[in-house]
All heavy atoms as atom14 arrays in JSON, in Angstrom:
{
  "sequence": "FGLAFSASEWSILLVGMAVAFGVSVAVIRFLMGYIKKHDFKI",
  "atom14_mask": [
    [1, 1, 1, 1, 1, 1, 1, 1, 1, 1, 1, 0, 0, 0],
    [1, 1, 1, 1, 0, 0, 0, 0, 0, 0, 0, 0, 0, 0],
    [1, 1, 1, 1, 1, 1, 1, 1, 0, 0, 0, 0, 0, 0],
    [1, 1, 1, 1, 1, 0, 0, 0, 0, 0, 0, 0, 0, 0],
    [1, 1, 1, 1, 1, 1, 1, 1, 1, 1, 1, 0, 0, 0],
    [1, 1, 1, 1, 1, 1, 0, 0, 0, 0, 0, 0, 0, 0],
    [1, 1, 1, 1, 1, 0, 0, 0, 0, 0, 0, 0, 0, 0],
    [1, 1, 1, 1, 1, 1, 0, 0, 0, 0, 0, 0, 0, 0],
    [1, 1, 1, 1, 1, 1, 1, 1, 1, 0, 0, 0, 0, 0],
    [1, 1, 1, 1, 1, 1, 1, 1, 1, 1, 1, 1, 1, 1],
    [1, 1, 1, 1, 1, 1, 0, 0, 0, 0, 0, 0, 0, 0],
    [1, 1, 1, 1, 1, 1, 1, 1, 0, 0, 0, 0, 0, 0],
    [1, 1, 1, 1, 1, 1, 1, 1, 0, 0, 0, 0, 0, 0],
    [1, 1, 1, 1, 1, 1, 1, 1, 0, 0, 0, 0, 0, 0],
    [1, 1, 1, 1, 1, 1, 1, 0, 0, 0, 0, 0, 0, 0],
    [1, 1, 1, 1, 0, 0, 0, 0, 0, 0, 0, 0, 0, 0],
    [1, 1, 1, 1, 1, 1, 1, 1, 0, 0, 0, 0, 0, 0],
    [1, 1, 1, 1, 1, 0, 0, 0, 0, 0, 0, 0, 0, 0],
    [1, 1, 1, 1, 1, 1, 1, 0, 0, 0, 0, 0, 0, 0],
    [1, 1, 1, 1, 1, 0, 0, 0, 0, 0, 0, 0, 0, 0],
    [1, 1, 1, 1, 1, 1, 1, 1, 1, 1, 1, 0, 0, 0],
    [1, 1, 1, 1, 0, 0, 0, 0, 0, 0, 0, 0, 0, 0],
    [1, 1, 1, 1, 1, 1, 1, 0, 0, 0, 0, 0, 0, 0],
    [1, 1, 1, 1, 1, 1, 0, 0, 0, 0, 0, 0, 0, 0],
    [1, 1, 1, 1, 1, 1, 1, 0, 0, 0, 0, 0, 0, 0],
    [1, 1, 1, 1, 1, 0, 0, 0, 0, 0, 0, 0, 0, 0],
    [1, 1, 1, 1, 1, 1, 1, 0, 0, 0, 0, 0, 0, 0],
    [1, 1, 1, 1, 1, 1, 1, 1, 0, 0, 0, 0, 0, 0],
    [1, 1, 1, 1, 1, 1, 1, 1, 1, 1, 1, 0, 0, 0],
    [1, 1, 1, 1, 1, 1, 1, 1, 1, 1, 1, 0, 0, 0],
    [1, 1, 1, 1, 1, 1, 1, 1, 0, 0, 0, 0, 0, 0],
    [1, 1, 1, 1, 1, 1, 1, 1, 0, 0, 0, 0, 0, 0],
    [1, 1, 1, 1, 0, 0, 0, 0, 0, 0, 0, 0, 0, 0],
    [1, 1, 1, 1, 1, 1, 1, 1, 1, 1, 1, 1, 0, 0],
    [1, 1, 1, 1, 1, 1, 1, 1, 0, 0, 0, 0, 0, 0],
    [1, 1, 1, 1, 1, 1, 1, 1, 1, 0, 0, 0, 0, 0],
    [1, 1, 1, 1, 1, 1, 1, 1, 1, 0, 0, 0, 0, 0],
    [1, 1, 1, 1, 1, 1, 1, 1, 1, 1, 0, 0, 0, 0],
    [1, 1, 1, 1, 1, 1, 1, 1, 0, 0, 0, 0, 0, 0],
    [1, 1, 1, 1, 1, 1, 1, 1, 1, 1, 1, 0, 0, 0],
    [1, 1, 1, 1, 1, 1, 1, 1, 1, 0, 0, 0, 0, 0],
    [1, 1, 1, 1, 1, 1, 1, 1, 0, 0, 0, 0, 0, 0]
  ],
  "atom14_positions": [
    [[0.58, 35.56, 38.98], [0.09, 35.64, 37.6], [-1.06, 36.61, 37.46], [-1.23, 37.26, 36.44], [-0.34, 34.24, 37.11], [-0.69, 34.19, 35.65], [0.29, 33.96, 34.7], [-2.0, 34.37, 35.23], [-0.03, 33.9, 33.35], [-2.33, 34.32, 33.88], [-1.33, 34.09, 32.93], [0.0, 0.0, 0.0], [0.0, 0.0, 0.0], [0.0, 0.0, 0.0]],
    [[-1.89, 36.7, 38.53], [-3.1, 37.5, 38.45], [-4.25, 36.65, 37.94], [-4.09, 35.47, 37.6], [0.0, 0.0, 0.0], [0.0, 0.0, 0.0], [0.0, 0.0, 0.0], [0.0, 0.0, 0.0], [0.0, 0.0, 0.0], [0.0, 0.0, 0.0], [0.0, 0.0, 0.0], [0.0, 0.0, 0.0], [0.0, 0.0, 0.0], [0.0, 0.0, 0.0]],
    [[-5.44, 37.25, 37.87], [-6.62, 36.52, 37.4], [-7.04, 36.96, 36.0], [-8.16, 36.71, 35.58], [-7.78, 36.71, 38.38], [-7.57, 36.13, 39.78], [-8.74, 36.49, 40.69], [-7.42, 34.61, 39.71], [0.0, 0.0, 0.0], [0.0, 0.0, 0.0], [0.0, 0.0, 0.0], [0.0, 0.0, 0.0], [0.0, 0.0, 0.0], [0.0, 0.0, 0.0]],
    [[-6.12, 37.61, 35.31], [-6.44, 38.13, 33.98], [-6.27, 37.05, 32.92], [-5.55, 37.21, 31.93], [-5.56, 39.33, 33.67], [0.0, 0.0, 0.0], [0.0, 0.0, 0.0], [0.0, 0.0, 0.0], [0.0, 0.0, 0.0], [0.0, 0.0, 0.0], [0.0, 0.0, 0.0], [0.0, 0.0, 0.0], [0.0, 0.0, 0.0], [0.0, 0.0, 0.0]],
    [[-6.93, 35.91, 33.12], [-6.87, 34.83, 32.14], [-7.8, 35.15, 30.97], [-8.86, 35.76, 31.15], [-7.28, 33.5, 32.76], [-6.4, 33.05, 33.9], [-6.92, 32.94, 35.18], [-5.08, 32.71, 33.68], [-6.12, 32.52, 36.23], [-4.27, 32.28, 34.72], [-4.79, 32.19, 36.0], [0.0, 0.0, 0.0], [0.0, 0.0, 0.0], [0.0, 0.0, 0.0]],
    [[-7.42, 34.68, 29.81], [-8.33, 34.77, 28.67], [-9.39, 33.68, 28.81], [-9.26, 32.78, 29.66], [-7.56, 34.58, 27.36], [-7.04, 33.27, 27.28], [0.0, 0.0, 0.0], [0.0, 0.0, 0.0], [0.0, 0.0, 0.0], [0.0, 0.0, 0.0], [0.0, 0.0, 0.0], [0.0, 0.0, 0.0], [0.0, 0.0, 0.0], [0.0, 0.0, 0.0]],
    [[-10.42, 33.73, 27.99], [-11.48, 32.72, 28.06], [-10.92, 31.33, 27.8], [-11.3, 30.36, 28.48], [-12.58, 33.05, 27.04], [0.0, 0.0, 0.0], [0.0, 0.0, 0.0], [0.0, 0.0, 0.0], [0.0, 0.0, 0.0], [0.0, 0.0, 0.0], [0.0, 0.0, 0.0], [0.0, 0.0, 0.0], [0.0, 0.0, 0.0], [0.0, 0.0, 0.0]],
    [[-10.02, 31.2, 26.85], [-9.44, 29.89, 26.54], [-8.57, 29.4, 27.7], [-8.55, 28.2, 28.03], [-8.61, 29.96, 25.26], [-7.53, 30.87, 25.4], [0.0, 0.0, 0.0], [0.0, 0.0, 0.0], [0.0, 0.0, 0.0], [0.0, 0.0, 0.0], [0.0, 0.0, 0.0], [0.0, 0.0, 0.0], [0.0, 0.0, 0.0], [0.0, 0.0, 0.0]],
    [[-7.84, 30.32, 28.34], [-7.0, 29.94, 29.48], [-7.85, 29.49, 30.66], [-7.51, 28.51, 31.33], [-6.1, 31.12, 29.88], [-4.98, 31.38, 28.88], [-4.18, 32.62, 29.2], [-4.71, 33.51, 29.91], [-3.02, 32.73, 28.76], [0.0, 0.0, 0.0], [0.0, 0.0, 0.0], [0.0, 0.0, 0.0], [0.0, 0.0, 0.0], [0.0, 0.0, 0.0]],
    [[-8.96, 30.19, 30.92], [-9.88, 29.77, 31.97], [-10.4, 28.36, 31.68], [-10.51, 27.52, 32.57], [-11.05, 30.74, 32.1], [-10.79, 31.89, 33.03], [-10.74, 33.21, 32.72], [-10.58, 31.81, 34.45], [-10.49, 33.96, 33.84], [-10.39, 33.14, 34.92], [-10.52, 30.76, 35.36], [-10.16, 33.42, 36.26], [-10.28, 31.04, 36.7], [-10.1, 32.36, 37.14]],
    [[-10.74, 28.1, 30.42], [-11.27, 26.79, 30.03], [-10.24, 25.7, 30.29], [-10.55, 24.64, 30.85], [-11.67, 26.79, 28.56], [-12.68, 27.74, 28.31], [0.0, 0.0, 0.0], [0.0, 0.0, 0.0], [0.0, 0.0, 0.0], [0.0, 0.0, 0.0], [0.0, 0.0, 0.0], [0.0, 0.0, 0.0], [0.0, 0.0, 0.0], [0.0, 0.0, 0.0]],
    [[-9.01, 25.96, 29.87], [-7.93, 24.98, 30.07], [-7.71, 24.72, 31.56], [-7.59, 23.57, 31.99], [-6.62, 25.49, 29.41], [-6.77, 25.5, 27.89], [-5.43, 24.63, 29.84], [-5.63, 26.2, 27.18], [0.0, 0.0, 0.0], [0.0, 0.0, 0.0], [0.0, 0.0, 0.0], [0.0, 0.0, 0.0], [0.0, 0.0, 0.0], [0.0, 0.0, 0.0]],
    [[-7.68, 25.78, 32.35], [-7.42, 25.66, 33.78], [-8.54, 24.9, 34.49], [-8.28, 23.97, 35.27], [-7.27, 27.05, 34.39], [-6.79, 27.12, 35.84], [-5.44, 26.46, 36.01], [-6.73, 28.59, 36.29], [0.0, 0.0, 0.0], [0.0, 0.0, 0.0], [0.0, 0.0, 0.0], [0.0, 0.0, 0.0], [0.0, 0.0, 0.0], [0.0, 0.0, 0.0]],
    [[-9.78, 25.25, 34.21], [-10.92, 24.62, 34.89], [-11.07, 23.15, 34.48], [-11.38, 22.3, 35.32], [-12.2, 25.39, 34.58], [-12.28, 26.8, 35.19], [-13.53, 27.53, 34.72], [-12.24, 26.73, 36.72], [0.0, 0.0, 0.0], [0.0, 0.0, 0.0], [0.0, 0.0, 0.0], [0.0, 0.0, 0.0], [0.0, 0.0, 0.0], [0.0, 0.0, 0.0]],
    [[-10.86, 22.85, 33.2], [-10.93, 21.46, 32.75], [-9.83, 20.63, 33.41], [-10.08, 19.52, 33.9], [-10.81, 21.37, 31.21], [-10.57, 19.93, 30.77], [-12.07, 21.91, 30.55], [0.0, 0.0, 0.0], [0.0, 0.0, 0.0], [0.0, 0.0, 0.0], [0.0, 0.0, 0.0], [0.0, 0.0, 0.0], [0.0, 0.0, 0.0], [0.0, 0.0, 0.0]],
    [[-8.62, 21.18, 33.46], [-7.51, 20.46, 34.1], [-7.79, 20.18, 35.56], [-7.55, 19.06, 36.04], [0.0, 0.0, 0.0], [0.0, 0.0, 0.0], [0.0, 0.0, 0.0], [0.0, 0.0, 0.0], [0.0, 0.0, 0.0], [0.0, 0.0, 0.0], [0.0, 0.0, 0.0], [0.0, 0.0, 0.0], [0.0, 0.0, 0.0], [0.0, 0.0, 0.0]],
    [[-8.33, 21.17, 36.29], [-8.64, 20.98, 37.71], [-9.75, 19.96, 37.9], [-9.68, 19.11, 38.81], [-9.03, 22.32, 38.34], [-7.87, 23.26, 38.58], [-8.28, 24.65, 39.68], [-9.54, 25.47, 38.71], [0.0, 0.0, 0.0], [0.0, 0.0, 0.0], [0.0, 0.0, 0.0], [0.0, 0.0, 0.0], [0.0, 0.0, 0.0], [0.0, 0.0, 0.0]],
    [[-10.79, 20.03, 37.07], [-11.92, 19.1, 37.21], [-11.46, 17.65, 36.97], [-11.84, 16.73, 37.71], [-13.03, 19.48, 36.22], [0.0, 0.0, 0.0], [0.0, 0.0, 0.0], [0.0, 0.0, 0.0], [0.0, 0.0, 0.0], [0.0, 0.0, 0.0], [0.0, 0.0, 0.0], [0.0, 0.0, 0.0], [0.0, 0.0, 0.0], [0.0, 0.0, 0.0]],
    [[-10.66, 17.45, 35.93], [-10.16, 16.1, 35.64], [-9.23, 15.62, 36.76], [-9.31, 14.47, 37.19], [-9.43, 16.07, 34.28], [-8.77, 14.72, 34.05], [-10.41, 16.38, 33.15], [0.0, 0.0, 0.0], [0.0, 0.0, 0.0], [0.0, 0.0, 0.0], [0.0, 0.0, 0.0], [0.0, 0.0, 0.0], [0.0, 0.0, 0.0], [0.0, 0.0, 0.0]],
    [[-8.35, 16.52, 37.23], [-7.44, 16.16, 38.33], [-8.23, 15.74, 39.57], [-7.83, 14.81, 40.28], [-6.53, 17.33, 38.65], [0.0, 0.0, 0.0], [0.0, 0.0, 0.0], [0.0, 0.0, 0.0], [0.0, 0.0, 0.0], [0.0, 0.0, 0.0], [0.0, 0.0, 0.0], [0.0, 0.0, 0.0], [0.0, 0.0, 0.0], [0.0, 0.0, 0.0]],
    [[-9.34, 16.41, 39.83], [-10.2, 16.07, 40.98], [-10.75, 14.66, 40.84], [-10.62, 13.82, 41.74], [-11.34, 17.07, 41.1], [-12.41, 16.64, 42.08], [-12.22, 16.79, 43.44], [-13.59, 16.06, 41.63], [-13.2, 16.38, 44.35], [-14.57, 15.65, 42.53], [-14.37, 15.81, 43.9], [0.0, 0.0, 0.0], [0.0, 0.0, 0.0], [0.0, 0.0, 0.0]],
    [[-11.38, 14.37, 39.7], [-11.99, 13.05, 39.51], [-10.98, 11.93, 39.56], [-11.21, 10.89, 40.2], [0.0, 0.0, 0.0], [0.0, 0.0, 0.0], [0.0, 0.0, 0.0], [0.0, 0.0, 0.0], [0.0, 0.0, 0.0], [0.0, 0.0, 0.0], [0.0, 0.0, 0.0], [0.0, 0.0, 0.0], [0.0, 0.0, 0.0], [0.0, 0.0, 0.0]],
    [[-9.85, 12.12, 38.89], [-8.81, 11.08, 38.88], [-8.2, 10.91, 40.27], [-7.93, 9.79, 40.71], [-7.72, 11.43, 37.85], [-6.56, 10.44, 37.93], [-8.3, 11.44, 36.43], [0.0, 0.0, 0.0], [0.0, 0.0, 0.0], [0.0, 0.0, 0.0], [0.0, 0.0, 0.0], [0.0, 0.0, 0.0], [0.0, 0.0, 0.0], [0.0, 0.0, 0.0]],
    [[-8.01, 12.03, 40.99], [-7.43, 11.96, 42.34], [-8.31, 11.15, 43.28], [-7.79, 10.38, 44.1], [-7.24, 13.37, 42.9], [-6.22, 14.06, 42.23], [0.0, 0.0, 0.0], [0.0, 0.0, 0.0], [0.0, 0.0, 0.0], [0.0, 0.0, 0.0], [0.0, 0.0, 0.0], [0.0, 0.0, 0.0], [0.0, 0.0, 0.0], [0.0, 0.0, 0.0]],
    [[-9.62, 11.31, 43.18], [-10.54, 10.54, 44.03], [-10.31, 9.04, 43.82], [-10.18, 8.27, 44.78], [-12.01, 10.9, 43.71], [-12.96, 9.91, 44.38], [-12.32, 12.32, 44.18], [0.0, 0.0, 0.0], [0.0, 0.0, 0.0], [0.0, 0.0, 0.0], [0.0, 0.0, 0.0], [0.0, 0.0, 0.0], [0.0, 0.0, 0.0], [0.0, 0.0, 0.0]],
    [[-10.23, 8.64, 42.55], [-10.04, 7.22, 42.25], [-8.67, 6.73, 42.71], [-8.54, 5.63, 43.27], [-10.2, 7.0, 40.74], [0.0, 0.0, 0.0], [0.0, 0.0, 0.0], [0.0, 0.0, 0.0], [0.0, 0.0, 0.0], [0.0, 0.0, 0.0], [0.0, 0.0, 0.0], [0.0, 0.0, 0.0], [0.0, 0.0, 0.0], [0.0, 0.0, 0.0]],
    [[-7.63, 7.53, 42.5], [-6.27, 7.12, 42.84], [-6.08, 7.02, 44.36], [-5.45, 6.08, 44.85], [-5.25, 8.1, 42.23], [-3.86, 7.85, 42.79], [-5.22, 7.96, 40.71], [0.0, 0.0, 0.0], [0.0, 0.0, 0.0], [0.0, 0.0, 0.0], [0.0, 0.0, 0.0], [0.0, 0.0, 0.0], [0.0, 0.0, 0.0], [0.0, 0.0, 0.0]],
    [[-6.62, 7.98, 45.1], [-6.49, 7.94, 46.56], [-7.17, 6.7, 47.13], [-6.64, 6.01, 48.0], [-7.08, 9.21, 47.2], [-6.19, 10.41, 46.85], [-7.18, 9.07, 48.71], [-6.79, 11.75, 47.24], [0.0, 0.0, 0.0], [0.0, 0.0, 0.0], [0.0, 0.0, 0.0], [0.0, 0.0, 0.0], [0.0, 0.0, 0.0], [0.0, 0.0, 0.0]],
    [[-8.36, 6.4, 46.61], [-9.07, 5.2, 47.06], [-8.26, 3.94, 46.74], [-8.15, 3.03, 47.56], [-10.44, 5.13, 46.4], [-11.46, 6.1, 47.0], [-12.76, 6.07, 46.22], [-13.79, 6.86, 46.89], [-14.95, 7.2, 46.32], [-15.2, 6.82, 45.07], [-15.83, 7.91, 46.99], [0.0, 0.0, 0.0], [0.0, 0.0, 0.0], [0.0, 0.0, 0.0]],
    [[-7.69, 3.91, 45.54], [-6.87, 2.75, 45.15], [-5.66, 2.61, 46.08], [-5.37, 1.52, 46.57], [-6.39, 2.92, 43.71], [-5.18, 2.08, 43.37], [-5.31, 0.72, 43.16], [-3.91, 2.65, 43.32], [-4.18, -0.06, 42.88], [-2.79, 1.88, 43.04], [-2.93, 0.51, 42.82], [0.0, 0.0, 0.0], [0.0, 0.0, 0.0], [0.0, 0.0, 0.0]],
    [[-4.95, 3.73, 46.3], [-3.72, 3.67, 47.1], [-3.99, 3.22, 48.52], [-3.24, 2.4, 49.08], [-3.03, 5.04, 47.1], [-1.69, 5.1, 47.84], [-0.68, 4.18, 47.19], [-1.16, 6.53, 47.87], [0.0, 0.0, 0.0], [0.0, 0.0, 0.0], [0.0, 0.0, 0.0], [0.0, 0.0, 0.0], [0.0, 0.0, 0.0], [0.0, 0.0, 0.0]],
    [[-5.05, 3.75, 49.14], [-5.36, 3.38, 50.52], [-5.71, 1.9, 50.64], [-5.41, 1.26, 51.65], [-6.51, 4.24, 51.06], [-6.16, 5.72, 51.18], [-4.65, 6.05, 52.13], [-5.15, 5.5, 53.75], [0.0, 0.0, 0.0], [0.0, 0.0, 0.0], [0.0, 0.0, 0.0], [0.0, 0.0, 0.0], [0.0, 0.0, 0.0], [0.0, 0.0, 0.0]],
    [[-6.33, 1.35, 49.61], [-6.61, -0.09, 49.61], [-5.36, -0.9, 49.33], [-5.12, -1.94, 49.95], [0.0, 0.0, 0.0], [0.0, 0.0, 0.0], [0.0, 0.0, 0.0], [0.0, 0.0, 0.0], [0.0, 0.0, 0.0], [0.0, 0.0, 0.0], [0.0, 0.0, 0.0], [0.0, 0.0, 0.0], [0.0, 0.0, 0.0], [0.0, 0.0, 0.0]],
    [[-4.53, -0.41, 48.43], [-3.33, -1.13, 48.01], [-2.32, -1.3, 49.15], [-1.79, -2.39, 49.37], [-2.67, -0.39, 46.84], [-1.39, -1.02, 46.35], [-1.43, -2.04, 45.38], [-0.15, -0.62, 46.83], [-0.25, -2.63, 44.93], [1.03, -1.21, 46.38], [0.97, -2.21, 45.44], [2.13, -2.8, 45.0], [0.0, 0.0, 0.0], [0.0, 0.0, 0.0]],
    [[-2.06, -0.21, 49.88], [-1.0, -0.26, 50.89], [-1.42, -1.02, 52.15], [-0.59, -1.26, 53.02], [-0.51, 1.15, 51.28], [-1.67, 1.99, 51.84], [0.15, 1.83, 50.1], [-1.23, 3.37, 52.29], [0.0, 0.0, 0.0], [0.0, 0.0, 0.0], [0.0, 0.0, 0.0], [0.0, 0.0, 0.0], [0.0, 0.0, 0.0], [0.0, 0.0, 0.0]],
    [[-2.68, -1.42, 52.24], [-3.08, -2.26, 53.37], [-2.53, -3.67, 53.22], [-2.38, -4.4, 54.2], [-4.61, -2.29, 53.47], [-5.22, -0.99, 53.96], [-6.74, -1.07, 53.99], [-7.35, 0.25, 54.48], [-8.82, 0.22, 54.48], [0.0, 0.0, 0.0], [0.0, 0.0, 0.0], [0.0, 0.0, 0.0], [0.0, 0.0, 0.0], [0.0, 0.0, 0.0]],
    [[-2.22, -4.07, 51.98], [-1.73, -5.42, 51.73], [-0.36, -5.45, 51.06], [0.25, -6.52, 50.96], [-2.73, -6.17, 50.83], [-4.11, -6.33, 51.45], [-5.05, -7.07, 50.5], [-6.44, -7.24, 51.09], [-7.36, -7.94, 50.16], [0.0, 0.0, 0.0], [0.0, 0.0, 0.0], [0.0, 0.0, 0.0], [0.0, 0.0, 0.0], [0.0, 0.0, 0.0]],
    [[0.12, -4.29, 50.58], [1.38, -4.27, 49.85], [2.28, -3.15, 50.37], [1.82, -2.22, 51.02], [1.13, -4.05, 48.35], [0.19, -5.04, 47.73], [-1.18, -4.88, 47.77], [0.43, -6.2, 47.06], [-1.75, -5.9, 47.14], [-0.8, -6.71, 46.71], [0.0, 0.0, 0.0], [0.0, 0.0, 0.0], [0.0, 0.0, 0.0], [0.0, 0.0, 0.0]],
    [[3.56, -3.24, 50.03], [4.5, -2.18, 50.41], [4.67, -1.21, 49.24], [3.97, -1.3, 48.22], [5.84, -2.76, 50.86], [6.49, -3.64, 49.77], [6.24, -3.39, 48.58], [7.24, -4.56, 50.13], [0.0, 0.0, 0.0], [0.0, 0.0, 0.0], [0.0, 0.0, 0.0], [0.0, 0.0, 0.0], [0.0, 0.0, 0.0], [0.0, 0.0, 0.0]],
    [[5.64, -0.29, 49.38], [5.85, 0.74, 48.36], [6.94, 0.38, 47.35], [7.34, 1.23, 46.55], [6.23, 2.07, 49.04], [5.08, 2.76, 49.71], [4.92, 2.73, 51.09], [4.15, 3.48, 48.97], [3.87, 3.38, 51.71], [3.1, 4.13, 49.57], [2.95, 4.09, 50.95], [0.0, 0.0, 0.0], [0.0, 0.0, 0.0], [0.0, 0.0, 0.0]],
    [[7.43, -0.86, 47.37], [8.56, -1.21, 46.52], [8.27, -1.02, 45.04], [9.14, -0.59, 44.27], [8.98, -2.66, 46.78], [9.78, -2.86, 48.05], [10.26, -4.31, 48.15], [11.07, -4.54, 49.4], [11.54, -5.94, 49.5], [0.0, 0.0, 0.0], [0.0, 0.0, 0.0], [0.0, 0.0, 0.0], [0.0, 0.0, 0.0], [0.0, 0.0, 0.0]],
    [[7.06, -1.34, 44.62], [6.73, -1.22, 43.21], [6.92, 0.22, 42.72], [7.35, 0.47, 41.59], [5.28, -1.7, 42.93], [5.04, -1.74, 41.41], [4.27, -0.82, 43.62], [3.72, -2.39, 41.05], [0.0, 0.0, 0.0], [0.0, 0.0, 0.0], [0.0, 0.0, 0.0], [0.0, 0.0, 0.0], [0.0, 0.0, 0.0], [0.0, 0.0, 0.0]]
  ]
}
């Protein structure tokens, strides 16, 4: 694609990555705790 993003595209991309980071931290912690006592059937 290149790095020729517009200002709005940069904003969309950076916000999406930042939110994905924060949510991923919470989800990974949840999953590692969950699978210690449960299986993947759900």
